[in-house]
Amino acid sequence: MRIRLARPGDAPDIIAFNAAMALETEGKRLFPEVIGAGVRSLLRRPKAGFYLLAETRARIVGAGICVMAEAQAASLGVPSLSPMM
């Protein structure tokens, strides 16, 4: 298995993994076009954050780890990850 940074062409796989994870963990069905807008936006702006993918034999087997700076997250409309007090 190899871990690598996601590229723009990986967006469909990331979108599918994110939708599956939301359904499995929260019972929520998310619209692919909504997920896709956020995924593609982040992939176009590597300074804002990145996804890591797990790959085996050139096949993506895991995705969805997204790392971004809080200021960049806010610019993409992602809620703050800071605890609310």
Foldseek 3Di string as FASTA:
>chain_A
DDKDWDALVCLVVLLVQVQVCCCVPPVDGDDSVVSSVLSNVCNVPVQQWTKMFDDDPNHTDDIDDIDGDQVSCVVSVHDGPDDDD
